[in-house]
Amino acid sequence: MEWLRKLKGKGGMIKQIDHAAIVVSDMDRAFEFYSGVLGLDVILDGRESGEQKKSFLGNKKQVLIALTEDKNRAAGDTADVEGVNHIAFLVGDLEKSSRLLKEKGIRFIEEKRDESGKITAYHFLDPDGLELEICTASENEVPQY
């Protein structure tokens, strides 16, 4: 964690992640997933904006996801998703959130448990193969991987 302390410095320049920018192969399908399945609000719908479509989704407080469409990107193969291991979303009620996702056809690829065996996170894939996580707030300084 020394590298993080050096980056943060005494003034605490970085407060939190503002949003994750994701390149998707099909903006309509990404909208269906991020808005319809995950329930994110559409903040800016850029699907009609010409060549490079950019859209923003989030919650009442902030943008969480910035989507850019690239029709040449291969869809659904996790081997094609480079540079990002996963994106984690903090949820208020993990059981309820996981149940809602299961009802929408999401298959979890991994469950994380704490020392007592309680599930603290679920991992799953978006339509382009990007790994996502829903998790609860942790008392640990470093997130569980």
C-alpha atoms as a PDB file:
ATOM      1  CA  MET A   1       0.000   0.000   0.000  1.00  0.00           C
ATOM      2  CA  GLU A   2       3.022   2.304   0.085  1.00  0.00           C
ATOM      3  CA  TRP A   3       2.500   3.168  -3.605  1.00  0.00           C
ATOM      4  CA  LEU A   4      -1.069   4.271  -2.786  1.00  0.00           C
ATOM      5  CA  ARG A   5       0.096   6.450   0.092  1.00  0.00           C
ATOM      6  CA  LYS A   6       2.662   8.107  -2.197  1.00  0.00           C
ATOM      7  CA  LEU A   7       0.026   8.727  -4.876  1.00  0.00           C
ATOM      8  CA  LYS A   8      -2.480  10.094  -2.376  1.00  0.00           C
ATOM      9  CA  GLY A   9       0.070  12.296  -0.666  1.00  0.00           C
ATOM     10  CA  LYS A  10      -0.600  14.450   2.353  1.00  0.00           C
ATOM     11  CA  GLY A  11      -3.282  16.568   0.673  1.00  0.00           C
ATOM     12  CA  GLY A  12      -5.360  13.612  -0.454  1.00  0.00           C
ATOM     13  CA  MET A  13      -5.636  14.786  -4.068  1.00  0.00           C
ATOM     14  CA  ILE A  14      -7.636  11.778  -5.297  1.00  0.00           C
ATOM     15  CA  LYS A  15     -10.929  11.295  -3.462  1.00  0.00           C
ATOM     16  CA  GLN A  16     -12.670   8.488  -5.406  1.00  0.00           C
ATOM     17  CA  ILE A  17     -13.199   7.112  -8.887  1.00  0.00           C
ATOM     18  CA  ASP A  18     -15.496   9.408 -10.859  1.00  0.00           C
ATOM     19  CA  HIS A  19     -16.490   7.001 -13.649  1.00  0.00           C
ATOM     20  CA  ALA A  20     -15.273   4.072 -15.744  1.00  0.00           C
ATOM     21  CA  ALA A  21     -15.054   4.538 -19.513  1.00  0.00           C
ATOM     22  CA  ILE A  22     -15.955   1.390 -21.428  1.00  0.00           C
ATOM     23  CA  VAL A  23     -15.684   0.667 -25.148  1.00  0.00           C
ATOM     24  CA  VAL A  24     -18.636  -1.458 -26.282  1.00  0.00           C
ATOM     25  CA  SER A  25     -19.380  -3.219 -29.559  1.00  0.00           C
ATOM     26  CA  ASP A  26     -23.097  -2.352 -29.609  1.00  0.00           C
ATOM     27  CA  MET A  27     -24.412   0.754 -27.834  1.00  0.00           C
ATOM     28  CA  ASP A  28     -28.054  -0.391 -27.887  1.00  0.00           C
ATOM     29  CA  ARG A  29     -27.137  -3.713 -26.290  1.00  0.00           C
ATOM     30  CA  ALA A  30     -24.931  -1.947 -23.716  1.00  0.00           C
ATOM     31  CA  PHE A  31     -27.837   0.381 -22.865  1.00  0.00           C
ATOM     32  CA  GLU A  32     -30.129  -2.594 -22.393  1.00  0.00           C
ATOM     33  CA  PHE A  33     -27.610  -4.182 -20.022  1.00  0.00           C
ATOM     34  CA  TYR A  34     -26.390  -1.198 -17.989  1.00  0.00           C
ATOM     35  CA  SER A  35     -29.780   0.507 -17.766  1.00  0.00           C
ATOM     36  CA  GLY A  36     -32.224  -2.390 -18.036  1.00  0.00           C
ATOM     37  CA  VAL A  37     -30.329  -5.066 -16.105  1.00  0.00           C
ATOM     38  CA  LEU A  38     -28.157  -3.050 -13.711  1.00  0.00           C
ATOM     39  CA  GLY A  39     -30.690  -0.248 -13.342  1.00  0.00           C
ATOM     40  CA  LEU A  40     -28.365   2.693 -14.004  1.00  0.00           C
ATOM     41  CA  ASP A  41     -30.041   5.958 -15.005  1.00  0.00           C
ATOM     42  CA  VAL A  42     -29.378   7.391 -18.465  1.00  0.00           C
ATOM     43  CA  ILE A  43     -27.713  10.762 -17.955  1.00  0.00           C
ATOM     44  CA  LEU A  44     -26.804  11.421 -21.597  1.00  0.00           C
ATOM     45  CA  ASP A  45     -27.947   9.232 -24.491  1.00  0.00           C
ATOM     46  CA  GLY A  46     -25.394   9.699 -27.259  1.00  0.00           C
ATOM     47  CA  ARG A  47     -26.675   6.979 -29.573  1.00  0.00           C
ATOM     48  CA  GLU A  48     -27.848   9.494 -32.184  1.00  0.00           C
ATOM     49  CA  SER A  49     -24.657  11.567 -32.168  1.00  0.00           C
ATOM     50  CA  GLY A  50     -23.079  10.361 -35.397  1.00  0.00           C
ATOM     51  CA  GLU A  51     -19.765   8.555 -35.809  1.00  0.00           C
ATOM     52  CA  GLN A  52     -18.417   8.075 -32.295  1.00  0.00           C
ATOM     53  CA  LYS A  53     -21.343   7.504 -29.980  1.00  0.00           C
ATOM     54  CA  LYS A  54     -20.711   8.449 -26.340  1.00  0.00           C
ATOM     55  CA  SER A  55     -23.251   7.939 -23.578  1.00  0.00           C
ATOM     56  CA  PHE A  56     -23.227   8.360 -19.821  1.00  0.00           C
ATOM     57  CA  LEU A  57     -25.099   6.365 -17.174  1.00  0.00           C
ATOM     58  CA  GLY A  58     -25.084   6.570 -13.402  1.00  0.00           C
ATOM     59  CA  ASN A  59     -27.227   7.325 -10.399  1.00  0.00           C
ATOM     60  CA  LYS A  60     -28.806  10.447  -8.908  1.00  0.00           C
ATOM     61  CA  LYS A  61     -25.440  11.590  -7.565  1.00  0.00           C
ATOM     62  CA  GLN A  62     -22.965  10.982 -10.393  1.00  0.00           C
ATOM     63  CA  VAL A  63     -21.961   9.472 -13.709  1.00  0.00           C
ATOM     64  CA  LEU A  64     -20.586   5.968 -13.114  1.00  0.00           C
ATOM     65  CA  ILE A  65     -20.162   4.604 -16.644  1.00  0.00           C
ATOM     66  CA  ALA A  66     -19.133   6.358 -19.853  1.00  0.00           C
ATOM     67  CA  LEU A  67     -19.849   4.214 -22.912  1.00  0.00           C
ATOM     68  CA  THR A  68     -18.191   4.634 -26.316  1.00  0.00           C
ATOM     69  CA  GLU A  69     -19.272   2.472 -29.241  1.00  0.00           C
ATOM     70  CA  ASP A  70     -16.738   0.751 -31.510  1.00  0.00           C
ATOM     71  CA  LYS A  71     -18.513  -1.577 -33.953  1.00  0.00           C
ATOM     72  CA  ASN A  72     -15.121  -3.170 -34.779  1.00  0.00           C
ATOM     73  CA  ARG A  73     -14.662  -4.403 -31.210  1.00  0.00           C
ATOM     74  CA  ALA A  74     -15.181  -8.133 -30.798  1.00  0.00           C
ATOM     75  CA  ALA A  75     -18.107  -8.872 -28.488  1.00  0.00           C
ATOM     76  CA  GLY A  76     -18.514 -11.455 -25.744  1.00  0.00           C
ATOM     77  CA  ASP A  77     -15.016 -12.941 -25.629  1.00  0.00           C
ATOM     78  CA  THR A  78     -13.283 -12.178 -22.344  1.00  0.00           C
ATOM     79  CA  ALA A  79      -9.916 -12.679 -24.043  1.00  0.00           C
ATOM     80  CA  ASP A  80     -10.604  -9.464 -25.997  1.00  0.00           C
ATOM     81  CA  VAL A  81     -11.135  -7.296 -22.914  1.00  0.00           C
ATOM     82  CA  GLU A  82      -7.700  -5.875 -22.216  1.00  0.00           C
ATOM     83  CA  GLY A  83      -6.382  -3.531 -19.572  1.00  0.00           C
ATOM     84  CA  VAL A  84      -9.286  -3.768 -17.103  1.00  0.00           C
ATOM     85  CA  ASN A  85      -9.597  -6.652 -14.663  1.00  0.00           C
ATOM     86  CA  HIS A  86     -13.085  -5.677 -13.472  1.00  0.00           C
ATOM     87  CA  ILE A  87     -15.260  -2.777 -12.321  1.00  0.00           C
ATOM     88  CA  ALA A  88     -16.851  -3.015  -8.866  1.00  0.00           C
ATOM     89  CA  PHE A  89     -20.169  -1.409  -7.963  1.00  0.00           C
ATOM     90  CA  LEU A  90     -20.977  -0.799  -4.314  1.00  0.00           C
ATOM     91  CA  VAL A  91     -24.573  -1.833  -3.510  1.00  0.00           C
ATOM     92  CA  GLY A  92     -26.633  -1.233  -0.387  1.00  0.00           C
ATOM     93  CA  ASP A  93     -28.193  -4.704  -0.169  1.00  0.00           C
ATOM     94  CA  LEU A  94     -26.052  -7.450  -1.685  1.00  0.00           C
ATOM     95  CA  GLU A  95     -28.650 -10.228  -1.307  1.00  0.00           C
ATOM     96  CA  LYS A  96     -31.399  -8.194  -2.939  1.00  0.00           C
ATOM     97  CA  SER A  97     -29.105  -6.977  -5.730  1.00  0.00           C
ATOM     98  CA  SER A  98     -27.832 -10.487  -6.499  1.00  0.00           C
ATOM     99  CA  ARG A  99     -31.391 -11.837  -6.534  1.00  0.00           C
ATOM    100  CA  LEU A 100     -32.507  -9.110  -8.968  1.00  0.00           C
ATOM    101  CA  LEU A 101     -29.583  -9.827 -11.286  1.00  0.00           C
ATOM    102  CA  LYS A 102     -30.273 -13.578 -11.211  1.00  0.00           C
ATOM    103  CA  GLU A 103     -33.913 -12.870 -12.086  1.00  0.00           C
ATOM    104  CA  LYS A 104     -32.675 -10.907 -15.113  1.00  0.00           C
ATOM    105  CA  GLY A 105     -30.620 -13.874 -16.310  1.00  0.00           C
ATOM    106  CA  ILE A 106     -27.196 -12.863 -15.010  1.00  0.00           C
ATOM    107  CA  ARG A 107     -24.930 -15.820 -14.259  1.00  0.00           C
ATOM    108  CA  PHE A 108     -22.333 -15.201 -11.584  1.00  0.00           C
ATOM    109  CA  ILE A 109     -18.843 -16.408 -12.414  1.00  0.00           C
ATOM    110  CA  GLU A 110     -17.390 -15.931  -8.930  1.00  0.00           C
ATOM    111  CA  GLU A 111     -18.443 -15.305  -5.344  1.00  0.00           C
ATOM    112  CA  LYS A 112     -16.150 -13.669  -2.798  1.00  0.00           C
ATOM    113  CA  ARG A 113     -16.481 -14.569   0.894  1.00  0.00           C
ATOM    114  CA  ASP A 114     -15.031 -13.082   4.034  1.00  0.00           C
ATOM    115  CA  GLU A 115     -13.228 -15.045   6.757  1.00  0.00           C
ATOM    116  CA  SER A 116     -16.562 -16.127   8.288  1.00  0.00           C
ATOM    117  CA  GLY A 117     -17.843 -17.486   4.962  1.00  0.00           C
ATOM    118  CA  LYS A 118     -20.326 -14.663   4.320  1.00  0.00           C
ATOM    119  CA  ILE A 119     -20.617 -13.632   0.662  1.00  0.00           C
ATOM    120  CA  THR A 120     -19.275 -10.108   0.178  1.00  0.00           C
ATOM    121  CA  ALA A 121     -19.236  -9.851  -3.641  1.00  0.00           C
ATOM    122  CA  TYR A 122     -20.462 -11.419  -6.867  1.00  0.00           C
ATOM    123  CA  HIS A 123     -18.666 -11.262 -10.218  1.00  0.00           C
ATOM    124  CA  PHE A 124     -20.352 -11.480 -13.638  1.00  0.00           C
ATOM    125  CA  LEU A 125     -19.796 -10.419 -17.270  1.00  0.00           C
ATOM    126  CA  ASP A 126     -21.358  -7.640 -19.324  1.00  0.00           C
ATOM    127  CA  PRO A 127     -22.417  -8.393 -22.944  1.00  0.00           C
ATOM    128  CA  ASP A 128     -18.924  -7.555 -24.240  1.00  0.00           C
ATOM    129  CA  GLY A 129     -17.180  -9.851 -21.753  1.00  0.00           C
ATOM    130  CA  LEU A 130     -16.033  -7.168 -19.294  1.00  0.00           C
ATOM    131  CA  GLU A 131     -16.018  -8.504 -15.751  1.00  0.00           C
ATOM    132  CA  LEU A 132     -18.179  -6.593 -13.275  1.00  0.00           C
ATOM    133  CA  GLU A 133     -18.661  -6.943  -9.526  1.00  0.00           C
ATOM    134  CA  ILE A 134     -21.336  -5.997  -7.048  1.00  0.00           C
ATOM    135  CA  CYS A 135     -20.076  -5.727  -3.491  1.00  0.00           C
ATOM    136  CA  THR A 136     -20.822  -4.374  -0.046  1.00  0.00           C
ATOM    137  CA  ALA A 137     -18.738  -1.840   1.834  1.00  0.00           C
ATOM    138  CA  SER A 138     -15.756  -3.508   3.425  1.00  0.00           C
ATOM    139  CA  GLU A 139     -13.884  -2.746   6.592  1.00  0.00           C
ATOM    140  CA  ASN A 140     -10.694  -3.882   4.850  1.00  0.00           C
ATOM    141  CA  GLU A 141      -8.301  -1.232   3.577  1.00  0.00           C
ATOM    142  CA  VAL A 142      -7.678  -3.249   0.411  1.00  0.00           C
ATOM    143  CA  PRO A 143     -10.592  -4.780  -1.555  1.00  0.00           C
ATOM    144  CA  GLN A 144     -10.793  -8.535  -1.824  1.00  0.00           C
ATOM    145  CA  TYR A 145      -9.689  -9.959  -5.188  1.00  0.00           C
END
